[in-house]
PDB file of N, CA and C in Angstrom:
ATOM      1  N   MET A   1      28.977   3.871 -65.334  1.00  0.00           N
ATOM      2  CA  MET A   1      27.858   3.870 -64.416  1.00  0.00           C
ATOM      3  C   MET A   1      28.372   4.147 -63.009  1.00  0.00           C
ATOM      4  N   ALA A   2      27.681   4.980 -62.291  1.00  0.00           N
ATOM      5  CA  ALA A   2      28.133   5.403 -60.970  1.00  0.00           C
ATOM      6  C   ALA A   2      27.971   4.282 -59.951  1.00  0.00           C
ATOM      7  N   LYS A   3      28.944   4.166 -59.057  1.00  0.00           N
ATOM      8  CA  LYS A   3      28.859   3.152 -58.016  1.00  0.00           C
ATOM      9  C   LYS A   3      27.974   3.602 -56.859  1.00  0.00           C
ATOM     10  N   ILE A   4      27.966   4.898 -56.568  1.00  0.00           N
ATOM     11  CA  ILE A   4      27.155   5.430 -55.470  1.00  0.00           C
ATOM     12  C   ILE A   4      26.226   6.481 -56.036  1.00  0.00           C
ATOM     13  N   LYS A   5      24.948   6.359 -55.691  1.00  0.00           N
ATOM     14  CA  LYS A   5      23.938   7.274 -56.200  1.00  0.00           C
ATOM     15  C   LYS A   5      23.180   7.917 -55.047  1.00  0.00           C
ATOM     16  N   LYS A   6      22.418   8.943 -55.368  1.00  0.00           N
ATOM     17  CA  LYS A   6      21.590   9.627 -54.383  1.00  0.00           C
ATOM     18  C   LYS A   6      20.573   8.638 -53.824  1.00  0.00           C
ATOM     19  N   GLY A   7      20.443   8.623 -52.493  1.00  0.00           N
ATOM     20  CA  GLY A   7      19.486   7.737 -51.845  1.00  0.00           C
ATOM     21  C   GLY A   7      20.088   6.435 -51.350  1.00  0.00           C
ATOM     22  N   ASP A   8      21.334   6.125 -51.732  1.00  0.00           N
ATOM     23  CA  ASP A   8      21.981   4.894 -51.277  1.00  0.00           C
ATOM     24  C   ASP A   8      22.359   4.999 -49.806  1.00  0.00           C
ATOM     25  N   LEU A   9      22.392   3.855 -49.132  1.00  0.00           N
ATOM     26  CA  LEU A   9      22.882   3.784 -47.765  1.00  0.00           C
ATOM     27  C   LEU A   9      24.367   3.468 -47.829  1.00  0.00           C
ATOM     28  N   VAL A  10      25.203   4.343 -47.246  1.00  0.00           N
ATOM     29  CA  VAL A  10      26.654   4.161 -47.287  1.00  0.00           C
ATOM     30  C   VAL A  10      27.223   4.215 -45.873  1.00  0.00           C
ATOM     31  N   GLN A  11      28.448   3.717 -45.742  1.00  0.00           N
ATOM     32  CA  GLN A  11      29.159   3.746 -44.464  1.00  0.00           C
ATOM     33  C   GLN A  11      30.520   4.368 -44.679  1.00  0.00           C
ATOM     34  N   VAL A  12      30.944   5.211 -43.721  1.00  0.00           N
ATOM     35  CA  VAL A  12      32.262   5.838 -43.787  1.00  0.00           C
ATOM     36  C   VAL A  12      33.295   4.788 -43.390  1.00  0.00           C
ATOM     37  N   ILE A  13      34.327   4.599 -44.242  1.00  0.00           N
ATOM     38  CA  ILE A  13      35.300   3.534 -43.999  1.00  0.00           C
ATOM     39  C   ILE A  13      36.687   4.067 -43.661  1.00  0.00           C
ATOM     40  N   SER A  14      36.870   5.390 -43.597  1.00  0.00           N
ATOM     41  CA  SER A  14      38.187   5.922 -43.264  1.00  0.00           C
ATOM     42  C   SER A  14      38.030   7.151 -42.390  1.00  0.00           C
ATOM     43  N   GLY A  15      39.142   7.567 -41.809  1.00  0.00           N
ATOM     44  CA  GLY A  15      39.119   8.718 -40.914  1.00  0.00           C
ATOM     45  C   GLY A  15      39.170   8.270 -39.469  1.00  0.00           C
ATOM     46  N   PRO A  16      39.144   9.232 -38.551  1.00  0.00           N
ATOM     47  CA  PRO A  16      39.204   8.870 -37.137  1.00  0.00           C
ATOM     48  C   PRO A  16      37.919   8.202 -36.648  1.00  0.00           C
ATOM     49  N   LYS A  17      38.062   7.375 -35.623  1.00  0.00           N
ATOM     50  CA  LYS A  17      36.918   6.704 -35.014  1.00  0.00           C
ATOM     51  C   LYS A  17      36.078   7.716 -34.226  1.00  0.00           C
ATOM     52  N   PRO A  18      34.823   7.372 -33.919  1.00  0.00           N
ATOM     53  CA  PRO A  18      33.966   8.302 -33.164  1.00  0.00           C
ATOM     54  C   PRO A  18      34.525   8.671 -31.785  1.00  0.00           C
ATOM     55  N   GLU A  19      35.298   7.777 -31.170  1.00  0.00           N
ATOM     56  CA  GLU A  19      35.886   8.094 -29.861  1.00  0.00           C
ATOM     57  C   GLU A  19      36.856   9.269 -29.954  1.00  0.00           C
ATOM     58  N   ARG A  20      37.443   9.452 -31.150  1.00  0.00           N
ATOM     59  CA  ARG A  20      38.399  10.544 -31.356  1.00  0.00           C
ATOM     60  C   ARG A  20      37.767  11.717 -32.095  1.00  0.00           C
ATOM     61  N   GLY A  21      36.452  11.728 -32.193  1.00  0.00           N
ATOM     62  CA  GLY A  21      35.763  12.844 -32.823  1.00  0.00           C
ATOM     63  C   GLY A  21      35.540  12.697 -34.308  1.00  0.00           C
ATOM     64  N   GLY A  22      35.698  11.496 -34.845  1.00  0.00           N
ATOM     65  CA  GLY A  22      35.542  11.267 -36.273  1.00  0.00           C
ATOM     66  C   GLY A  22      34.216  10.612 -36.623  1.00  0.00           C
ATOM     67  N   ASP A  23      34.109  10.178 -37.863  1.00  0.00           N
ATOM     68  CA  ASP A  23      32.869   9.607 -38.369  1.00  0.00           C
ATOM     69  C   ASP A  23      33.016   8.181 -38.895  1.00  0.00           C
ATOM     70  N   ARG A  24      34.175   7.538 -38.703  1.00  0.00           N
ATOM     71  CA  ARG A  24      34.366   6.201 -39.257  1.00  0.00           C
ATOM     72  C   ARG A  24      33.364   5.221 -38.649  1.00  0.00           C
ATOM     73  N   GLY A  25      32.733   4.429 -39.502  1.00  0.00           N
ATOM     74  CA  GLY A  25      31.756   3.451 -39.050  1.00  0.00           C
ATOM     75  C   GLY A  25      30.323   3.947 -39.073  1.00  0.00           C
ATOM     76  N   LYS A  26      30.127   5.247 -39.225  1.00  0.00           N
ATOM     77  CA  LYS A  26      28.766   5.787 -39.266  1.00  0.00           C
ATOM     78  C   LYS A  26      28.120   5.485 -40.612  1.00  0.00           C
ATOM     79  N   GLN A  27      26.817   5.215 -40.568  1.00  0.00           N
ATOM     80  CA  GLN A  27      26.067   4.955 -41.785  1.00  0.00           C
ATOM     81  C   GLN A  27      25.062   6.074 -41.995  1.00  0.00           C
ATOM     82  N   GLY A  28      24.785   6.374 -43.254  1.00  0.00           N
ATOM     83  CA  GLY A  28      23.817   7.414 -43.575  1.00  0.00           C
ATOM     84  C   GLY A  28      23.402   7.339 -45.028  1.00  0.00           C
ATOM     85  N   LYS A  29      22.343   8.080 -45.337  1.00  0.00           N
ATOM     86  CA  LYS A  29      21.811   8.104 -46.687  1.00  0.00           C
ATOM     87  C   LYS A  29      22.500   9.209 -47.482  1.00  0.00           C
ATOM     88  N   VAL A  30      22.781   8.955 -48.757  1.00  0.00           N
ATOM     89  CA  VAL A  30      23.417   9.948 -49.616  1.00  0.00           C
ATOM     90  C   VAL A  30      22.377  10.999 -49.994  1.00  0.00           C
ATOM     91  N   LEU A  31      22.657  12.269 -49.648  1.00  0.00           N
ATOM     92  CA  LEU A  31      21.754  13.361 -49.970  1.00  0.00           C
ATOM     93  C   LEU A  31      22.046  13.949 -51.339  1.00  0.00           C
ATOM     94  N   GLU A  32      23.336  13.975 -51.701  1.00  0.00           N
ATOM     95  CA  GLU A  32      23.733  14.592 -52.969  1.00  0.00           C
ATOM     96  C   GLU A  32      25.062  14.010 -53.410  1.00  0.00           C
ATOM     97  N   VAL A  33      25.236  13.869 -54.725  1.00  0.00           N
ATOM     98  CA  VAL A  33      26.500  13.411 -55.298  1.00  0.00           C
ATOM     99  C   VAL A  33      27.076  14.549 -56.129  1.00  0.00           C
ATOM    100  N   LEU A  34      28.291  14.976 -55.795  1.00  0.00           N
ATOM    101  CA  LEU A  34      28.980  16.035 -56.525  1.00  0.00           C
ATOM    102  C   LEU A  34      29.998  15.364 -57.440  1.00  0.00           C
ATOM    103  N   THR A  35      29.595  15.077 -58.685  1.00  0.00           N
ATOM    104  CA  THR A  35      30.433  14.278 -59.573  1.00  0.00           C
ATOM    105  C   THR A  35      31.696  15.000 -60.009  1.00  0.00           C
ATOM    106  N   GLU A  36      31.651  16.324 -60.157  1.00  0.00           N
ATOM    107  CA  GLU A  36      32.837  17.064 -60.615  1.00  0.00           C
ATOM    108  C   GLU A  36      33.963  16.992 -59.596  1.00  0.00           C
ATOM    109  N   GLN A  37      33.610  16.994 -58.297  1.00  0.00           N
ATOM    110  CA  GLN A  37      34.625  16.970 -57.250  1.00  0.00           C
ATOM    111  C   GLN A  37      34.840  15.579 -56.654  1.00  0.00           C
ATOM    112  N   ASN A  38      34.121  14.554 -57.162  1.00  0.00           N
ATOM    113  CA  ASN A  38      34.173  13.194 -56.622  1.00  0.00           C
ATOM    114  C   ASN A  38      33.853  13.162 -55.138  1.00  0.00           C
ATOM    115  N   ARG A  39      32.808  13.853 -54.752  1.00  0.00           N
ATOM    116  CA  ARG A  39      32.411  13.918 -53.347  1.00  0.00           C
ATOM    117  C   ARG A  39      30.927  13.627 -53.198  1.00  0.00           C
ATOM    118  N   VAL A  40      30.536  13.211 -51.996  1.00  0.00           N
ATOM    119  CA  VAL A  40      29.131  12.973 -51.680  1.00  0.00           C
ATOM    120  C   VAL A  40      28.799  13.666 -50.370  1.00  0.00           C
ATOM    121  N   ILE A  41      27.532  14.026 -50.207  1.00  0.00           N
ATOM    122  CA  ILE A  41      27.034  14.576 -48.947  1.00  0.00           C
ATOM    123  C   ILE A  41      26.173  13.497 -48.316  1.00  0.00           C
ATOM    124  N   VAL A  42      26.558  13.066 -47.110  1.00  0.00           N
ATOM    125  CA  VAL A  42      25.890  11.970 -46.424  1.00  0.00           C
ATOM    126  C   VAL A  42      25.153  12.520 -45.210  1.00  0.00           C
ATOM    127  N   GLU A  43      23.938  12.047 -45.021  1.00  0.00           N
ATOM    128  CA  GLU A  43      23.086  12.505 -43.925  1.00  0.00           C
ATOM    129  C   GLU A  43      23.684  12.079 -42.582  1.00  0.00           C
ATOM    130  N   GLY A  44      23.912  13.045 -41.692  1.00  0.00           N
ATOM    131  CA  GLY A  44      24.405  12.766 -40.355  1.00  0.00           C
ATOM    132  C   GLY A  44      25.902  12.556 -40.244  1.00  0.00           C
ATOM    133  N   VAL A  45      26.651  12.814 -41.308  1.00  0.00           N
ATOM    134  CA  VAL A  45      28.097  12.580 -41.312  1.00  0.00           C
ATOM    135  C   VAL A  45      28.815  13.866 -41.706  1.00  0.00           C
ATOM    136  N   ASN A  46      29.976  14.123 -41.087  1.00  0.00           N
ATOM    137  CA  ASN A  46      30.843  15.264 -41.414  1.00  0.00           C
ATOM    138  C   ASN A  46      30.130  16.601 -41.185  1.00  0.00           C
ATOM    139  N   TYR A  47      29.607  16.776 -39.974  1.00  0.00           N
ATOM    140  CA  TYR A  47      28.941  18.032 -39.627  1.00  0.00           C
ATOM    141  C   TYR A  47      29.954  19.155 -39.455  1.00  0.00           C
ATOM    142  N   VAL A  48      29.630  20.329 -39.984  1.00  0.00           N
ATOM    143  CA  VAL A  48      30.427  21.531 -39.800  1.00  0.00           C
ATOM    144  C   VAL A  48      29.502  22.651 -39.350  1.00  0.00           C
ATOM    145  N   THR A  49      30.070  23.657 -38.684  1.00  0.00           N
ATOM    146  CA  THR A  49      29.269  24.811 -38.289  1.00  0.00           C
ATOM    147  C   THR A  49      29.508  25.922 -39.295  1.00  0.00           C
ATOM    148  N   LYS A  50      28.434  26.544 -39.731  1.00  0.00           N
ATOM    149  CA  LYS A  50      28.516  27.621 -40.710  1.00  0.00           C
ATOM    150  C   LYS A  50      27.967  28.879 -40.064  1.00  0.00           C
ATOM    151  N   HIS A  51      28.739  29.956 -40.152  1.00  0.00           N
ATOM    152  CA  HIS A  51      28.332  31.235 -39.592  1.00  0.00           C
ATOM    153  C   HIS A  51      27.744  32.091 -40.711  1.00  0.00           C
ATOM    154  N   ASN A  52      26.471  32.443 -40.565  1.00  0.00           N
ATOM    155  CA  ASN A  52      25.807  33.271 -41.565  1.00  0.00           C
ATOM    156  C   ASN A  52      25.691  34.696 -41.059  1.00  0.00           C
ATOM    157  N   ARG A  53      25.933  35.642 -41.951  1.00  0.00           N
ATOM    158  CA  ARG A  53      25.863  37.049 -41.597  1.00  0.00           C
ATOM    159  C   ARG A  53      24.422  37.437 -41.276  1.00  0.00           C
ATOM    160  N   VAL A  54      24.265  38.316 -40.285  1.00  0.00           N
ATOM    161  CA  VAL A  54      22.941  38.771 -39.885  1.00  0.00           C
ATOM    162  C   VAL A  54      22.410  39.729 -40.939  1.00  0.00           C
ATOM    163  N   GLY A  55      21.177  39.485 -41.347  1.00  0.00           N
ATOM    164  CA  GLY A  55      20.527  40.337 -42.330  1.00  0.00           C
ATOM    165  C   GLY A  55      19.053  40.428 -42.027  1.00  0.00           C
ATOM    166  N   GLN A  56      18.306  40.974 -42.957  1.00  0.00           N
ATOM    167  CA  GLN A  56      16.871  41.093 -42.776  1.00  0.00           C
ATOM    168  C   GLN A  56      16.170  40.505 -43.988  1.00  0.00           C
ATOM    169  N   SER A  57      15.056  39.826 -43.738  1.00  0.00           N
ATOM    170  CA  SER A  57      14.260  39.296 -44.834  1.00  0.00           C
ATOM    171  C   SER A  57      13.251  40.355 -45.264  1.00  0.00           C
ATOM    172  N   GLN A  58      12.410  40.014 -46.216  1.00  0.00           N
ATOM    173  CA  GLN A  58      11.413  40.964 -46.726  1.00  0.00           C
ATOM    174  C   GLN A  58      10.451  41.409 -45.636  1.00  0.00           C
ATOM    175  N   ARG A  59      10.143  40.526 -44.712  1.00  0.00           N
ATOM    176  CA  ARG A  59       9.171  40.835 -43.652  1.00  0.00           C
ATOM    177  C   ARG A  59       9.806  41.572 -42.479  1.00  0.00           C
ATOM    178  N   GLY A  60      11.105  41.715 -42.485  1.00  0.00           N
ATOM    179  CA  GLY A  60      11.779  42.432 -41.420  1.00  0.00           C
ATOM    180  C   GLY A  60      12.310  41.550 -40.313  1.00  0.00           C
ATOM    181  N   THR A  61      12.221  40.231 -40.473  1.00  0.00           N
ATOM    182  CA  THR A  61      12.752  39.341 -39.446  1.00  0.00           C
ATOM    183  C   THR A  61      14.262  39.199 -39.619  1.00  0.00           C
ATOM    184  N   LYS A  62      14.941  38.985 -38.528  1.00  0.00           N
ATOM    185  CA  LYS A  62      16.389  38.837 -38.551  1.00  0.00           C
ATOM    186  C   LYS A  62      16.763  37.441 -39.040  1.00  0.00           C
ATOM    187  N   THR A  63      17.780  37.366 -39.891  1.00  0.00           N
ATOM    188  CA  THR A  63      18.306  36.088 -40.348  1.00  0.00           C
ATOM    189  C   THR A  63      19.767  36.009 -39.948  1.00  0.00           C
ATOM    190  N   GLY A  64      20.317  34.822 -40.028  1.00  0.00           N
ATOM    191  CA  GLY A  64      21.738  34.660 -39.717  1.00  0.00           C
ATOM    192  C   GLY A  64      21.927  33.896 -38.435  1.00  0.00           C
ATOM    193  N   GLY A  65      23.186  33.733 -38.064  1.00  0.00           N
ATOM    194  CA  GLY A  65      23.534  32.984 -36.873  1.00  0.00           C
ATOM    195  C   GLY A  65      24.411  31.799 -37.228  1.00  0.00           C
ATOM    196  N   ILE A  66      24.480  30.862 -36.300  1.00  0.00           N
ATOM    197  CA  ILE A  66      25.311  29.679 -36.480  1.00  0.00           C
ATOM    198  C   ILE A  66      24.402  28.496 -36.764  1.00  0.00           C
ATOM    199  N   GLU A  67      24.689  27.794 -37.854  1.00  0.00           N
ATOM    200  CA  GLU A  67      23.923  26.591 -38.174  1.00  0.00           C
ATOM    201  C   GLU A  67      24.883  25.452 -38.469  1.00  0.00           C
ATOM    202  N   THR A  68      24.434  24.219 -38.203  1.00  0.00           N
ATOM    203  CA  THR A  68      25.252  23.058 -38.510  1.00  0.00           C
ATOM    204  C   THR A  68      24.686  22.393 -39.758  1.00  0.00           C
ATOM    205  N   MET A  69      25.605  21.930 -40.612  1.00  0.00           N
ATOM    206  CA  MET A  69      25.196  21.293 -41.850  1.00  0.00           C
ATOM    207  C   MET A  69      26.217  20.238 -42.238  1.00  0.00           C
ATOM    208  N   GLU A  70      25.813  19.342 -43.137  1.00  0.00           N
ATOM    209  CA  GLU A  70      26.718  18.300 -43.600  1.00  0.00           C
ATOM    210  C   GLU A  70      27.638  18.857 -44.679  1.00  0.00           C
ATOM    211  N   ALA A  71      28.912  18.525 -44.582  1.00  0.00           N
ATOM    212  CA  ALA A  71      29.888  18.935 -45.590  1.00  0.00           C
ATOM    213  C   ALA A  71      30.184  17.730 -46.487  1.00  0.00           C
ATOM    214  N   PRO A  72      30.663  17.986 -47.705  1.00  0.00           N
ATOM    215  CA  PRO A  72      30.983  16.859 -48.602  1.00  0.00           C
ATOM    216  C   PRO A  72      32.147  16.021 -48.075  1.00  0.00           C
ATOM    217  N   ILE A  73      32.097  14.729 -48.402  1.00  0.00           N
ATOM    218  CA  ILE A  73      33.156  13.791 -48.049  1.00  0.00           C
ATOM    219  C   ILE A  73      33.566  13.084 -49.343  1.00  0.00           C
ATOM    220  N   HIS A  74      34.854  12.760 -49.475  1.00  0.00           N
ATOM    221  CA  HIS A  74      35.330  12.155 -50.719  1.00  0.00           C
ATOM    222  C   HIS A  74      34.697  10.780 -50.915  1.00  0.00           C
ATOM    223  N   ILE A  75      34.377  10.484 -52.164  1.00  0.00           N
ATOM    224  CA  ILE A  75      33.641   9.261 -52.499  1.00  0.00           C
ATOM    225  C   ILE A  75      34.453   8.004 -52.190  1.00  0.00           C
ATOM    226  N   SER A  76      35.790   8.118 -52.141  1.00  0.00           N
ATOM    227  CA  SER A  76      36.621   6.957 -51.836  1.00  0.00           C
ATOM    228  C   SER A  76      36.589   6.615 -50.347  1.00  0.00           C
ATOM    229  N   ASN A  77      36.067   7.503 -49.520  1.00  0.00           N
ATOM    230  CA  ASN A  77      36.016   7.272 -48.082  1.00  0.00           C
ATOM    231  C   ASN A  77      34.702   6.665 -47.623  1.00  0.00           C
ATOM    232  N   VAL A  78      33.810   6.342 -48.564  1.00  0.00           N
ATOM    233  CA  VAL A  78      32.542   5.704 -48.208  1.00  0.00           C
ATOM    234  C   VAL A  78      32.383   4.422 -49.019  1.00  0.00           C
ATOM    235  N   ALA A  79      31.628   3.469 -48.469  1.00  0.00           N
ATOM    236  CA  ALA A  79      31.338   2.211 -49.161  1.00  0.00           C
ATOM    237  C   ALA A  79      29.849   1.951 -49.086  1.00  0.00           C
ATOM    238  N   LEU A  80      29.306   1.382 -50.140  1.00  0.00           N
ATOM    239  CA  LEU A  80      27.901   1.041 -50.189  1.00  0.00           C
ATOM    240  C   LEU A  80      27.611  -0.054 -49.174  1.00  0.00           C
ATOM    241  N   VAL A  81      26.447   0.028 -48.502  1.00  0.00           N
ATOM    242  CA  VAL A  81      26.068  -0.955 -47.497  1.00  0.00           C
ATOM    243  C   VAL A  81      25.194  -2.018 -48.160  1.00  0.00           C
ATOM    244  N   ASP A  82      25.543  -3.288 -47.921  1.00  0.00           N
ATOM    245  CA  ASP A  82      24.757  -4.405 -48.445  1.00  0.00           C
ATOM    246  C   ASP A  82      23.420  -4.430 -47.725  1.00  0.00           C
ATOM    247  N   PRO A  83      22.283  -4.428 -48.462  1.00  0.00           N
ATOM    248  CA  PRO A  83      20.983  -4.378 -47.798  1.00  0.00           C
ATOM    249  C   PRO A  83      20.677  -5.604 -46.944  1.00  0.00           C
ATOM    250  N   SER A  84      21.242  -6.761 -47.276  1.00  0.00           N
ATOM    251  CA  SER A  84      20.919  -7.960 -46.507  1.00  0.00           C
ATOM    252  C   SER A  84      21.744  -8.073 -45.224  1.00  0.00           C
ATOM    253  N   SER A  85      23.054  -7.809 -45.295  1.00  0.00           N
ATOM    254  CA  SER A  85      23.911  -7.984 -44.115  1.00  0.00           C
ATOM    255  C   SER A  85      24.162  -6.693 -43.349  1.00  0.00           C
ATOM    256  N   LYS A  86      23.800  -5.545 -43.909  1.00  0.00           N
ATOM    257  CA  LYS A  86      24.016  -4.224 -43.294  1.00  0.00           C
ATOM    258  C   LYS A  86      25.488  -3.937 -43.033  1.00  0.00           C
ATOM    259  N   LYS A  87      26.373  -4.507 -43.869  1.00  0.00           N
ATOM    260  CA  LYS A  87      27.805  -4.261 -43.764  1.00  0.00           C
ATOM    261  C   LYS A  87      28.287  -3.635 -45.060  1.00  0.00           C
ATOM    262  N   PRO A  88      29.409  -2.876 -45.005  1.00  0.00           N
ATOM    263  CA  PRO A  88      29.925  -2.268 -46.245  1.00  0.00           C
ATOM    264  C   PRO A  88      30.411  -3.332 -47.218  1.00  0.00           C
ATOM    265  N   THR A  89      30.195  -3.086 -48.496  1.00  0.00           N
ATOM    266  CA  THR A  89      30.560  -4.052 -49.520  1.00  0.00           C
ATOM    267  C   THR A  89      30.972  -3.332 -50.786  1.00  0.00           C
ATOM    268  N   ARG A  90      31.542  -4.073 -51.708  1.00  0.00           N
ATOM    269  CA  ARG A  90      31.901  -3.514 -53.000  1.00  0.00           C
ATOM    270  C   ARG A  90      30.718  -3.603 -53.941  1.00  0.00           C
ATOM    271  N   VAL A  91      30.792  -2.801 -55.007  1.00  0.00           N
ATOM    272  CA  VAL A  91      29.691  -2.734 -55.954  1.00  0.00           C
ATOM    273  C   VAL A  91      30.131  -3.341 -57.268  1.00  0.00           C
ATOM    274  N   GLY A  92      29.268  -4.161 -57.863  1.00  0.00           N
ATOM    275  CA  GLY A  92      29.542  -4.739 -59.169  1.00  0.00           C
ATOM    276  C   GLY A  92      28.439  -4.380 -60.137  1.00  0.00           C
ATOM    277  N   HIS A  93      28.682  -4.640 -61.403  1.00  0.00           N
ATOM    278  CA  HIS A  93      27.689  -4.404 -62.442  1.00  0.00           C
ATOM    279  C   HIS A  93      27.529  -5.679 -63.256  1.00  0.00           C
ATOM    280  N   ARG A  94      26.327  -5.949 -63.683  1.00  0.00           N
ATOM    281  CA  ARG A  94      26.092  -7.064 -64.574  1.00  0.00           C
ATOM    282  C   ARG A  94      25.103  -6.627 -65.646  1.00  0.00           C
ATOM    283  N   VAL A  95      25.213  -7.248 -66.799  1.00  0.00           N
ATOM    284  CA  VAL A  95      24.355  -6.908 -67.925  1.00  0.00           C
ATOM    285  C   VAL A  95      23.172  -7.875 -67.929  1.00  0.00           C
ATOM    286  N   GLU A  96      21.962  -7.326 -67.935  1.00  0.00           N
ATOM    287  CA  GLU A  96      20.751  -8.131 -67.959  1.00  0.00           C
ATOM    288  C   GLU A  96      19.870  -7.689 -69.113  1.00  0.00           C
ATOM    289  N   GLU A  97      18.999  -8.584 -69.502  1.00  0.00           N
ATOM    290  CA  GLU A  97      18.027  -8.240 -70.537  1.00  0.00           C
ATOM    291  C   GLU A  97      16.688  -7.970 -69.883  1.00  0.00           C
ATOM    292  N   GLN A  98      16.077  -6.854 -70.248  1.00  0.00           N
ATOM    293  CA  GLN A  98      14.755  -6.510 -69.751  1.00  0.00           C
ATOM    294  C   GLN A  98      13.784  -6.523 -70.906  1.00  0.00           C
ATOM    295  N   VAL A  99      12.583  -7.008 -70.637  1.00  0.00           N
ATOM    296  CA  VAL A  99      11.529  -6.988 -71.645  1.00  0.00           C
ATOM    297  C   VAL A  99      10.519  -5.938 -71.222  1.00  0.00           C
ATOM    298  N   LYS A 100      10.400  -4.902 -72.041  1.00  0.00           N
ATOM    299  CA  LYS A 100       9.479  -3.816 -71.729  1.00  0.00           C
ATOM    300  C   LYS A 100       8.664  -3.526 -72.982  1.00  0.00           C
ATOM    301  N   ASP A 101       7.358  -3.669 -72.881  1.00  0.00           N
ATOM    302  CA  ASP A 101       6.444  -3.446 -74.006  1.00  0.00           C
ATOM    303  C   ASP A 101       6.808  -4.322 -75.210  1.00  0.00           C
ATOM    304  N   GLY A 102       7.196  -5.560 -74.934  1.00  0.00           N
ATOM    305  CA  GLY A 102       7.539  -6.475 -76.013  1.00  0.00           C
ATOM    306  C   GLY A 102       8.911  -6.255 -76.615  1.00  0.00           C
ATOM    307  N   GLU A 103       9.676  -5.302 -76.094  1.00  0.00           N
ATOM    308  CA  GLU A 103      11.018  -4.987 -76.599  1.00  0.00           C
ATOM    309  C   GLU A 103      12.069  -5.494 -75.630  1.00  0.00           C
ATOM    310  N   LYS A 104      13.104  -6.134 -76.166  1.00  0.00           N
ATOM    311  CA  LYS A 104      14.219  -6.567 -75.330  1.00  0.00           C
ATOM    312  C   LYS A 104      15.271  -5.484 -75.303  1.00  0.00           C
ATOM    313  N   ARG A 105      15.732  -5.165 -74.090  1.00  0.00           N
ATOM    314  CA  ARG A 105      16.797  -4.169 -73.934  1.00  0.00           C
ATOM    315  C   ARG A 105      17.837  -4.739 -72.998  1.00  0.00           C
ATOM    316  N   THR A 106      19.113  -4.440 -73.275  1.00  0.00           N
ATOM    317  CA  THR A 106      20.176  -4.829 -72.352  1.00  0.00           C
ATOM    318  C   THR A 106      20.503  -3.628 -71.483  1.00  0.00           C
ATOM    319  N   VAL A 107      20.499  -3.854 -70.176  1.00  0.00           N
ATOM    320  CA  VAL A 107      20.757  -2.781 -69.213  1.00  0.00           C
ATOM    321  C   VAL A 107      21.824  -3.243 -68.237  1.00  0.00           C
ATOM    322  N   ARG A 108      22.549  -2.295 -67.692  1.00  0.00           N
ATOM    323  CA  ARG A 108      23.540  -2.571 -66.657  1.00  0.00           C
ATOM    324  C   ARG A 108      22.902  -2.369 -65.301  1.00  0.00           C
ATOM    325  N   VAL A 109      23.062  -3.346 -64.418  1.00  0.00           N
ATOM    326  CA  VAL A 109      22.423  -3.319 -63.111  1.00  0.00           C
ATOM    327  C   VAL A 109      23.507  -3.383 -62.040  1.00  0.00           C
ATOM    328  N   ARG A 110      23.369  -2.556 -60.998  1.00  0.00           N
ATOM    329  CA  ARG A 110      24.304  -2.605 -59.875  1.00  0.00           C
ATOM    330  C   ARG A 110      23.897  -3.725 -58.929  1.00  0.00           C
ATOM    331  N   TYR A 111      24.893  -4.349 -58.290  1.00  0.00           N
ATOM    332  CA  TYR A 111      24.601  -5.329 -57.252  1.00  0.00           C
ATOM    333  C   TYR A 111      25.715  -5.296 -56.222  1.00  0.00           C
ATOM    334  N   ALA A 112      25.381  -5.711 -55.000  1.00  0.00           N
ATOM    335  CA  ALA A 112      26.357  -5.727 -53.918  1.00  0.00           C
ATOM    336  C   ALA A 112      27.110  -7.052 -53.948  1.00  0.00           C
ATOM    337  N   LYS A 113      28.431  -6.974 -54.053  1.00  0.00           N
ATOM    338  CA  LYS A 113      29.249  -8.193 -54.055  1.00  0.00           C
ATOM    339  C   LYS A 113      29.328  -8.720 -52.634  1.00  0.00           C
ATOM    340  N   LYS A 114      29.370 -10.020 -52.524  1.00  0.00           N
ATOM    341  CA  LYS A 114      29.511 -10.650 -51.201  1.00  0.00           C
ATOM    342  C   LYS A 114      30.992 -10.720 -50.873  1.00  0.00           C
ATOM    343  N   SER A 115      31.337 -10.336 -49.646  1.00  0.00           N
ATOM    344  CA  SER A 115      32.725 -10.422 -49.236  1.00  0.00           C
ATOM    345  C   SER A 115      32.800 -11.149 -47.898  1.00  0.00           C
ATOM    346  N   GLY A 116      33.892 -11.825 -47.679  1.00  0.00           N
ATOM    347  CA  GLY A 116      34.050 -12.610 -46.460  1.00  0.00           C
ATOM    348  C   GLY A 116      34.365 -11.775 -45.235  1.00  0.00           C
ATOM    349  N   LYS A 117      34.891 -10.581 -45.445  1.00  0.00           N
ATOM    350  CA  LYS A 117      35.267  -9.753 -44.305  1.00  0.00           C
ATOM    351  C   LYS A 117      34.807  -8.329 -44.531  1.00  0.00           C
ATOM    352  N   ASP A 118      34.809  -7.539 -43.464  1.00  0.00           N
ATOM    353  CA  ASP A 118      34.405  -6.133 -43.571  1.00  0.00           C
ATOM    354  C   ASP A 118      35.464  -5.324 -44.285  1.00  0.00           C
ATOM    355  N   LEU A 119      35.046  -4.239 -44.900  1.00  0.00           N
ATOM    356  CA  LEU A 119      36.005  -3.337 -45.541  1.00  0.00           C
ATOM    357  C   LEU A 119      36.609  -2.407 -44.525  1.00  0.00           C
TER     358      LEU A 119
END
């Protein structure tokens, strides 16, 4: 079961600090998880500039130019944020029984572990 999923709030825990032009300590929502490369795309983190070639669309308008977009960041460099304390935390799994339509099912549920100090 994945520790980080699309839509989770995560915090960058490694890299240079914002004073040095980095993203450490920034929080953002996960836009996409790239499981093959073990990377995630986080909203507002790891911005890069992309240069697109000038072309024409069907209507004749010019396309292209310089745009900024989020680049993938390795999944080990982010930590899930605990919803209650708003601090980065580790993720655990526990097995629970759910009753749905009179049927009992065992499911694995993610939960934020409590830690005494920040990661």
